[in-house]
Protein backbone atom coordinates (compact mmCIF):
# COMPACT_ATOMS: atom_id res chain seq x y z
CA MET A 1 12.47 10.49 -110.94
CA LEU A 2 13.96 13.93 -111.88
CA PHE A 3 11.52 16.05 -109.91
CA PHE A 4 11.59 13.61 -106.96
CA CYS A 5 15.41 14.16 -106.87
CA LEU A 6 15.07 17.82 -107.19
CA THR A 7 12.62 18.14 -104.41
CA ILE A 8 14.69 16.02 -102.05
CA THR A 9 17.72 18.07 -102.96
CA PHE A 10 16.03 21.39 -102.12
CA LEU A 11 14.53 19.99 -98.94
CA LEU A 12 18.05 18.75 -97.79
CA LEU A 13 19.60 21.99 -98.61
CA ALA A 14 16.98 24.01 -96.79
CA VAL A 15 17.29 21.80 -93.77
CA GLY A 16 21.07 22.12 -93.77
CA LYS A 17 20.92 25.92 -94.08
CA TRP A 18 18.10 26.89 -91.78
CA GLY A 19 17.42 23.90 -89.64
CA LEU A 20 13.86 23.29 -90.81
CA LEU A 21 11.62 20.85 -89.08
CA PHE A 22 8.47 19.24 -90.73
CA VAL A 23 5.81 17.76 -88.51
CA MET A 24 2.75 16.04 -89.87
CA ASP A 25 -0.38 15.98 -87.58
CA GLY A 26 -2.99 13.96 -89.62
CA ALA A 27 -3.58 15.87 -92.78
CA ASN A 28 -1.79 19.05 -91.58
CA ILE A 29 1.95 19.72 -92.06
CA TYR A 30 3.62 22.17 -89.84
CA LEU A 31 6.95 23.88 -90.51
CA PHE A 32 9.25 24.92 -87.67
CA VAL A 33 12.39 26.85 -88.07
CA THR A 34 15.08 25.93 -85.49
CA ALA A 35 18.33 27.38 -84.80
CA ASP A 36 21.29 25.19 -85.57
CA PHE A 37 24.46 26.26 -83.62
CA SER A 38 26.32 23.12 -83.94
CA LYS A 39 28.05 23.94 -87.25
CA ASN A 40 27.33 20.48 -88.59
CA ASP A 41 27.33 20.63 -92.44
CA THR A 42 26.62 17.07 -93.04
CA ILE A 43 22.96 17.58 -94.19
CA GLY A 44 24.01 20.54 -96.50
CA LYS A 45 26.76 18.53 -98.08
CA THR A 46 24.37 15.54 -98.57
CA GLY A 47 22.14 17.91 -100.31
CA GLY A 48 24.90 19.14 -102.46
CA GLY A 49 25.86 15.67 -103.45
CA LEU A 50 22.27 14.82 -104.33
CA GLY A 51 22.23 18.03 -106.34
CA VAL A 52 25.12 16.60 -108.44
CA VAL A 53 23.13 13.33 -108.96
CA THR A 54 20.10 15.39 -109.84
CA ALA A 55 22.11 17.33 -112.49
CA LEU A 56 23.34 13.93 -114.00
CA VAL A 57 19.80 12.64 -114.11
CA ALA A 58 18.63 15.82 -115.92
CA TYR A 59 21.54 15.55 -118.30
CA TYR A 60 20.60 11.94 -119.04
CA CYS A 61 16.92 12.90 -119.64
CA GLY A 62 17.83 15.76 -121.91
CA LEU A 63 20.42 13.69 -123.82
CA SER A 64 17.91 10.87 -124.37
CA GLU A 65 15.45 13.28 -125.95
CA LEU A 66 18.05 14.80 -128.16
CA LEU A 67 19.34 11.61 -129.58
CA THR A 68 17.09 9.81 -132.16
CA ASP A 69 17.04 6.41 -133.57
CA ASP A 70 18.95 7.63 -136.62
CA ASP A 71 22.03 8.58 -134.60
CA VAL A 72 25.03 6.39 -134.29
CA PHE A 73 24.83 6.52 -130.53
CA THR A 74 21.62 6.05 -128.50
CA ILE A 75 20.94 5.51 -124.82
CA PRO A 76 18.12 3.49 -123.26
CA VAL A 77 15.07 5.57 -122.22
CA GLY A 78 12.96 2.72 -120.75
CA LYS A 79 10.46 2.47 -123.49
CA TYR A 80 9.34 -1.00 -124.41
CA PRO A 81 9.08 -1.91 -128.12
CA PRO A 82 5.48 -2.52 -129.27
CA LYS A 83 4.19 -6.04 -129.13
CA SER A 84 3.70 -7.70 -132.40
CA ALA A 85 0.36 -9.33 -133.05
């Protein structure tokens, strides 16, 4: 989840900055750089917002690894308890 968010963040920031266009033709991916003279920063702002979300996801992942079962406060990490036989 973290690396997916990070990849999409960088993709949106690159598209917002340089006007990149990705085209898929079968198994080939082509990258075109287009000039964006419209001064529309919506895509760049979306990438920045997703960057904040990515930072929060990274903080959550790091905090969940730092906290142990012995601590007073723990957060869920998505691991299921082992099944009892």
